[in-house]
Amino acid sequence: MHDRIDELAGLSAELRHCTQYATGRADQVRDQIDRVRTELSEHAEALEARAKELLTVGQDVPAAEATEAARGIRAVLDDAPTGHDASAKVQPAGTAGKQTAAAAKPPQKT
């Protein structure tokens, strides 16, 4: 599961790069993002089903663990962009303003 979450983060970063620098690979990366999101969603559904099974046989702690793992996956999916809306959040190269730290003030003499 963590491998897929890391893969999704890496693909999101790659998509930002592809759309920012117009490398032409953005559609391929979007397809991969959709694939990983589907796999994670299926895994979360399986965990939720397993939690229900465990609850019916009185295994409260393992059921809670499975439910929490499913919630974690759902949270990642909610925060990560989909393959088709990730490019909307990217600014083209050179349009972001520079952010520089202000120089420290010299000490005051008393």
N, C-alpha and C. Protein backbone atom coordinates (compact mmCIF):
# COMPACT_ATOMS: atom_id res chain seq x y z
N MET A 1 0.82 -1.18 0.00
CA MET A 1 0.00 0.00 0.00
C MET A 1 0.87 1.26 0.00
N HIS A 2 1.89 1.29 0.84
CA HIS A 2 2.75 2.47 0.90
C HIS A 2 3.49 2.68 -0.40
N ASP A 3 3.82 1.57 -1.09
CA ASP A 3 4.47 1.71 -2.38
C ASP A 3 3.57 2.43 -3.37
N ARG A 4 2.29 2.11 -3.37
CA ARG A 4 1.34 2.75 -4.27
C ARG A 4 1.14 4.22 -3.91
N ILE A 5 1.12 4.50 -2.63
CA ILE A 5 0.97 5.90 -2.19
C ILE A 5 2.19 6.71 -2.63
N ASP A 6 3.37 6.14 -2.45
CA ASP A 6 4.59 6.82 -2.89
C ASP A 6 4.62 6.96 -4.41
N GLU A 7 4.15 5.93 -5.11
CA GLU A 7 4.10 5.99 -6.57
C GLU A 7 3.16 7.11 -7.02
N LEU A 8 2.02 7.25 -6.34
CA LEU A 8 1.08 8.31 -6.68
C LEU A 8 1.70 9.69 -6.47
N ALA A 9 2.43 9.85 -5.38
CA ALA A 9 3.09 11.13 -5.12
C ALA A 9 4.13 11.43 -6.20
N GLY A 10 4.89 10.41 -6.58
CA GLY A 10 5.90 10.59 -7.61
C GLY A 10 5.29 10.92 -8.97
N LEU A 11 4.19 10.25 -9.29
CA LEU A 11 3.52 10.52 -10.55
C LEU A 11 2.92 11.92 -10.57
N SER A 12 2.41 12.36 -9.43
CA SER A 12 1.86 13.73 -9.36
C SER A 12 2.95 14.76 -9.60
N ALA A 13 4.12 14.52 -9.01
CA ALA A 13 5.25 15.43 -9.24
C ALA A 13 5.69 15.38 -10.70
N GLU A 14 5.71 14.19 -11.28
CA GLU A 14 6.10 14.07 -12.69
C GLU A 14 5.10 14.77 -13.60
N LEU A 15 3.82 14.68 -13.26
CA LEU A 15 2.81 15.37 -14.06
C LEU A 15 2.99 16.88 -13.99
N ARG A 16 3.30 17.38 -12.79
CA ARG A 16 3.56 18.82 -12.68
C ARG A 16 4.73 19.22 -13.56
N HIS A 17 5.76 18.41 -13.58
CA HIS A 17 6.93 18.68 -14.42
C HIS A 17 6.55 18.63 -15.90
N CYS A 18 5.79 17.61 -16.28
CA CYS A 18 5.41 17.44 -17.69
C CYS A 18 4.57 18.61 -18.18
N THR A 19 3.63 19.06 -17.36
CA THR A 19 2.78 20.16 -17.80
C THR A 19 3.49 21.50 -17.72
N GLN A 20 4.39 21.63 -16.80
CA GLN A 20 5.11 22.90 -16.66
C GLN A 20 6.09 23.09 -17.80
N TYR A 21 6.75 22.03 -18.22
CA TYR A 21 7.78 22.14 -19.24
C TYR A 21 7.34 21.55 -20.58
N ALA A 22 6.08 21.19 -20.71
CA ALA A 22 5.50 20.69 -21.96
C ALA A 22 6.35 19.59 -22.58
N THR A 23 6.58 18.54 -21.83
CA THR A 23 7.41 17.45 -22.33
C THR A 23 6.65 16.49 -23.24
N GLY A 24 5.33 16.58 -23.29
CA GLY A 24 4.55 15.71 -24.15
C GLY A 24 4.21 14.36 -23.54
N ARG A 25 4.63 14.11 -22.33
CA ARG A 25 4.35 12.85 -21.67
C ARG A 25 3.18 12.95 -20.69
N ALA A 26 2.53 14.07 -20.63
CA ALA A 26 1.50 14.31 -19.62
C ALA A 26 0.35 13.30 -19.72
N ASP A 27 -0.07 12.96 -20.93
CA ASP A 27 -1.17 12.00 -21.07
C ASP A 27 -0.79 10.63 -20.53
N GLN A 28 0.43 10.20 -20.77
CA GLN A 28 0.90 8.91 -20.25
C GLN A 28 0.92 8.92 -18.73
N VAL A 29 1.38 10.02 -18.15
CA VAL A 29 1.46 10.13 -16.70
C VAL A 29 0.06 10.17 -16.11
N ARG A 30 -0.86 10.87 -16.76
CA ARG A 30 -2.25 10.91 -16.28
C ARG A 30 -2.86 9.51 -16.25
N ASP A 31 -2.58 8.72 -17.28
CA ASP A 31 -3.08 7.35 -17.31
C ASP A 31 -2.52 6.53 -16.14
N GLN A 32 -1.25 6.73 -15.84
CA GLN A 32 -0.63 6.01 -14.72
C GLN A 32 -1.22 6.46 -13.39
N ILE A 33 -1.49 7.76 -13.25
CA ILE A 33 -2.12 8.27 -12.03
C ILE A 33 -3.48 7.63 -11.84
N ASP A 34 -4.26 7.56 -12.91
CA ASP A 34 -5.58 6.94 -12.81
C ASP A 34 -5.47 5.47 -12.43
N ARG A 35 -4.47 4.76 -12.97
CA ARG A 35 -4.27 3.35 -12.65
C ARG A 35 -3.97 3.17 -11.17
N VAL A 36 -3.06 3.98 -10.64
CA VAL A 36 -2.68 3.85 -9.23
C VAL A 36 -3.84 4.24 -8.32
N ARG A 37 -4.57 5.29 -8.68
CA ARG A 37 -5.74 5.69 -7.88
C ARG A 37 -6.77 4.58 -7.83
N THR A 38 -6.97 3.90 -8.96
CA THR A 38 -7.92 2.78 -9.00
C THR A 38 -7.46 1.65 -8.09
N GLU A 39 -6.18 1.32 -8.16
CA GLU A 39 -5.64 0.26 -7.31
C GLU A 39 -5.79 0.60 -5.83
N LEU A 40 -5.51 1.84 -5.47
CA LEU A 40 -5.64 2.25 -4.07
C LEU A 40 -7.10 2.23 -3.63
N SER A 41 -7.99 2.66 -4.49
CA SER A 41 -9.40 2.66 -4.15
C SER A 41 -9.91 1.23 -3.95
N GLU A 42 -9.48 0.32 -4.80
CA GLU A 42 -9.88 -1.09 -4.66
C GLU A 42 -9.32 -1.68 -3.36
N HIS A 43 -8.11 -1.29 -3.02
CA HIS A 43 -7.51 -1.78 -1.77
C HIS A 43 -8.29 -1.26 -0.57
N ALA A 44 -8.69 0.00 -0.61
CA ALA A 44 -9.48 0.58 0.48
C ALA A 44 -10.83 -0.13 0.61
N GLU A 45 -11.45 -0.42 -0.53
CA GLU A 45 -12.72 -1.14 -0.49
C GLU A 45 -12.56 -2.53 0.10
N ALA A 46 -11.47 -3.21 -0.25
CA ALA A 46 -11.21 -4.54 0.30
C ALA A 46 -11.00 -4.47 1.81
N LEU A 47 -10.28 -3.45 2.27
CA LEU A 47 -10.07 -3.28 3.71
C LEU A 47 -11.39 -3.02 4.43
N GLU A 48 -12.24 -2.20 3.83
CA GLU A 48 -13.53 -1.91 4.45
C GLU A 48 -14.40 -3.17 4.53
N ALA A 49 -14.37 -3.98 3.47
CA ALA A 49 -15.13 -5.23 3.48
C ALA A 49 -14.58 -6.19 4.54
N ARG A 50 -13.26 -6.24 4.64
CA ARG A 50 -12.63 -7.09 5.65
C ARG A 50 -13.00 -6.62 7.06
N ALA A 51 -13.04 -5.32 7.27
CA ALA A 51 -13.42 -4.79 8.58
C ALA A 51 -14.84 -5.21 8.95
N LYS A 52 -15.75 -5.18 7.99
CA LYS A 52 -17.13 -5.61 8.26
C LYS A 52 -17.18 -7.09 8.64
N GLU A 53 -16.39 -7.90 7.92
CA GLU A 53 -16.34 -9.33 8.24
C GLU A 53 -15.82 -9.55 9.65
N LEU A 54 -14.77 -8.83 9.99
CA LEU A 54 -14.17 -8.98 11.31
C LEU A 54 -15.13 -8.55 12.41
N LEU A 55 -15.89 -7.51 12.17
CA LEU A 55 -16.86 -7.05 13.17
C LEU A 55 -17.95 -8.09 13.42
N THR A 56 -18.34 -8.78 12.37
CA THR A 56 -19.41 -9.77 12.54
C THR A 56 -18.98 -10.95 13.39
N VAL A 57 -17.66 -11.23 13.44
CA VAL A 57 -17.17 -12.35 14.26
C VAL A 57 -16.58 -11.87 15.58
N GLY A 58 -16.77 -10.58 15.90
CA GLY A 58 -16.34 -10.07 17.19
C GLY A 58 -14.88 -9.67 17.28
N GLN A 59 -14.21 -9.51 16.18
CA GLN A 59 -12.81 -9.10 16.17
C GLN A 59 -12.74 -7.57 16.02
N ASP A 60 -13.00 -6.88 17.11
CA ASP A 60 -13.10 -5.43 17.06
C ASP A 60 -11.77 -4.73 16.76
N VAL A 61 -10.70 -5.18 17.36
CA VAL A 61 -9.41 -4.50 17.17
C VAL A 61 -8.91 -4.66 15.74
N PRO A 62 -8.85 -5.87 15.17
CA PRO A 62 -8.42 -5.97 13.77
C PRO A 62 -9.37 -5.23 12.82
N ALA A 63 -10.66 -5.20 13.15
CA ALA A 63 -11.61 -4.46 12.32
C ALA A 63 -11.31 -2.96 12.36
N ALA A 64 -11.00 -2.46 13.54
CA ALA A 64 -10.66 -1.04 13.67
C ALA A 64 -9.37 -0.72 12.92
N GLU A 65 -8.40 -1.62 12.96
CA GLU A 65 -7.15 -1.41 12.24
C GLU A 65 -7.39 -1.36 10.73
N ALA A 66 -8.22 -2.27 10.23
CA ALA A 66 -8.53 -2.29 8.80
C ALA A 66 -9.29 -1.03 8.39
N THR A 67 -10.22 -0.60 9.25
CA THR A 67 -10.98 0.62 8.97
C THR A 67 -10.06 1.83 8.93
N GLU A 68 -9.13 1.90 9.88
CA GLU A 68 -8.20 3.03 9.92
C GLU A 68 -7.29 3.04 8.70
N ALA A 69 -6.84 1.87 8.28
CA ALA A 69 -6.00 1.79 7.07
C ALA A 69 -6.78 2.26 5.84
N ALA A 70 -8.04 1.87 5.75
CA ALA A 70 -8.87 2.31 4.63
C ALA A 70 -9.07 3.82 4.66
N ARG A 71 -9.27 4.36 5.85
CA ARG A 71 -9.42 5.83 5.98
C ARG A 71 -8.15 6.55 5.53
N GLY A 72 -7.00 5.99 5.88
CA GLY A 72 -5.75 6.59 5.46
C GLY A 72 -5.61 6.62 3.95
N ILE A 73 -5.99 5.54 3.31
CA ILE A 73 -5.93 5.49 1.85
C ILE A 73 -6.90 6.50 1.25
N ARG A 74 -8.11 6.56 1.80
CA ARG A 74 -9.10 7.52 1.28
C ARG A 74 -8.62 8.97 1.46
N ALA A 75 -7.93 9.24 2.55
CA ALA A 75 -7.41 10.59 2.77
C ALA A 75 -6.35 10.93 1.72
N VAL A 76 -5.48 9.98 1.42
CA VAL A 76 -4.47 10.20 0.39
C VAL A 76 -5.13 10.45 -0.96
N LEU A 77 -6.15 9.67 -1.27
CA LEU A 77 -6.85 9.84 -2.54
C LEU A 77 -7.57 11.18 -2.62
N ASP A 78 -8.09 11.64 -1.49
CA ASP A 78 -8.75 12.94 -1.48
C ASP A 78 -7.77 14.09 -1.69
N ASP A 79 -6.55 13.94 -1.16
CA ASP A 79 -5.56 15.01 -1.27
C ASP A 79 -4.82 14.99 -2.60
N ALA A 80 -4.64 13.81 -3.18
CA ALA A 80 -3.87 13.70 -4.42
C ALA A 80 -4.75 14.08 -5.60
N PRO A 81 -4.16 14.74 -6.59
CA PRO A 81 -4.94 15.09 -7.78
C PRO A 81 -5.24 13.85 -8.61
N THR A 82 -6.33 13.92 -9.35
CA THR A 82 -6.61 12.85 -10.30
C THR A 82 -5.76 13.10 -11.54
N GLY A 83 -5.71 12.16 -12.40
CA GLY A 83 -4.91 12.32 -13.61
C GLY A 83 -5.40 13.42 -14.51
N HIS A 84 -6.69 13.79 -14.39
CA HIS A 84 -7.25 14.76 -15.31
C HIS A 84 -7.39 16.16 -14.75
N ASP A 85 -7.27 16.34 -13.43
CA ASP A 85 -7.37 17.69 -12.89
C ASP A 85 -6.06 18.20 -12.32
N ALA A 86 -5.01 17.39 -12.35
CA ALA A 86 -3.74 17.81 -11.76
C ALA A 86 -3.12 18.95 -12.54
N SER A 87 -3.29 18.96 -13.86
CA SER A 87 -2.65 20.01 -14.66
C SER A 87 -3.27 21.37 -14.42
N ALA A 88 -4.50 21.41 -13.93
CA ALA A 88 -5.16 22.68 -13.68
C ALA A 88 -4.53 23.43 -12.52
N LYS A 89 -3.85 22.73 -11.64
CA LYS A 89 -3.26 23.35 -10.47
C LYS A 89 -1.82 23.81 -10.71
N VAL A 90 -1.31 23.58 -11.89
CA VAL A 90 0.10 23.87 -12.18
C VAL A 90 0.20 25.23 -12.85
N GLN A 91 1.17 26.03 -12.42
CA GLN A 91 1.42 27.30 -13.07
C GLN A 91 2.47 27.09 -14.15
N PRO A 92 2.32 27.75 -15.28
CA PRO A 92 3.33 27.63 -16.33
C PRO A 92 4.68 28.15 -15.83
N ALA A 93 5.73 27.70 -16.45
CA ALA A 93 7.08 28.09 -16.04
C ALA A 93 7.25 29.60 -16.15
N GLY A 94 7.87 30.16 -15.15
CA GLY A 94 8.19 31.58 -15.15
C GLY A 94 7.07 32.49 -14.69
N THR A 95 5.93 31.95 -14.29
CA THR A 95 4.82 32.82 -13.88
C THR A 95 4.71 32.97 -12.37
N ALA A 96 5.41 32.13 -11.65
CA ALA A 96 5.36 32.24 -10.19
C ALA A 96 6.29 33.36 -9.75
N GLY A 97 5.83 34.14 -8.80
CA GLY A 97 6.67 35.22 -8.29
C GLY A 97 7.76 34.70 -7.37
N LYS A 98 8.87 35.40 -7.37
CA LYS A 98 9.96 34.98 -6.48
C LYS A 98 9.60 35.33 -5.05
N GLN A 99 10.00 34.47 -4.18
CA GLN A 99 9.81 34.73 -2.77
C GLN A 99 11.18 34.69 -2.12
N THR A 100 11.65 35.84 -1.71
CA THR A 100 12.95 35.90 -1.08
C THR A 100 12.79 36.41 0.35
N ALA A 101 13.64 35.97 1.18
CA ALA A 101 13.59 36.40 2.58
C ALA A 101 14.12 37.82 2.68
N ALA A 102 13.53 38.59 3.56
CA ALA A 102 14.00 39.95 3.79
C ALA A 102 15.30 39.89 4.59
N ALA A 103 16.15 40.83 4.34
CA ALA A 103 17.42 40.90 5.07
C ALA A 103 17.16 41.21 6.54
N ALA A 104 17.98 40.64 7.39
CA ALA A 104 17.83 40.87 8.82
C ALA A 104 18.22 42.30 9.16
N LYS A 105 17.51 42.85 10.12
CA LYS A 105 17.82 44.21 10.52
C LYS A 105 19.10 44.21 11.36
N PRO A 106 19.90 45.26 11.21
CA PRO A 106 21.11 45.32 12.04
C PRO A 106 20.74 45.56 13.50
N PRO A 107 21.56 45.10 14.41
CA PRO A 107 21.26 45.29 15.82
C PRO A 107 21.27 46.78 16.17
N GLN A 108 20.41 47.19 17.06
CA GLN A 108 20.34 48.58 17.49
C GLN A 108 21.35 48.80 18.61
N LYS A 109 22.02 49.93 18.54
CA LYS A 109 22.97 50.28 19.60
C LYS A 109 22.25 51.12 20.63
N THR A 110 22.50 50.83 21.87
CA THR A 110 21.85 51.59 22.94
C THR A 110 22.85 52.41 23.71
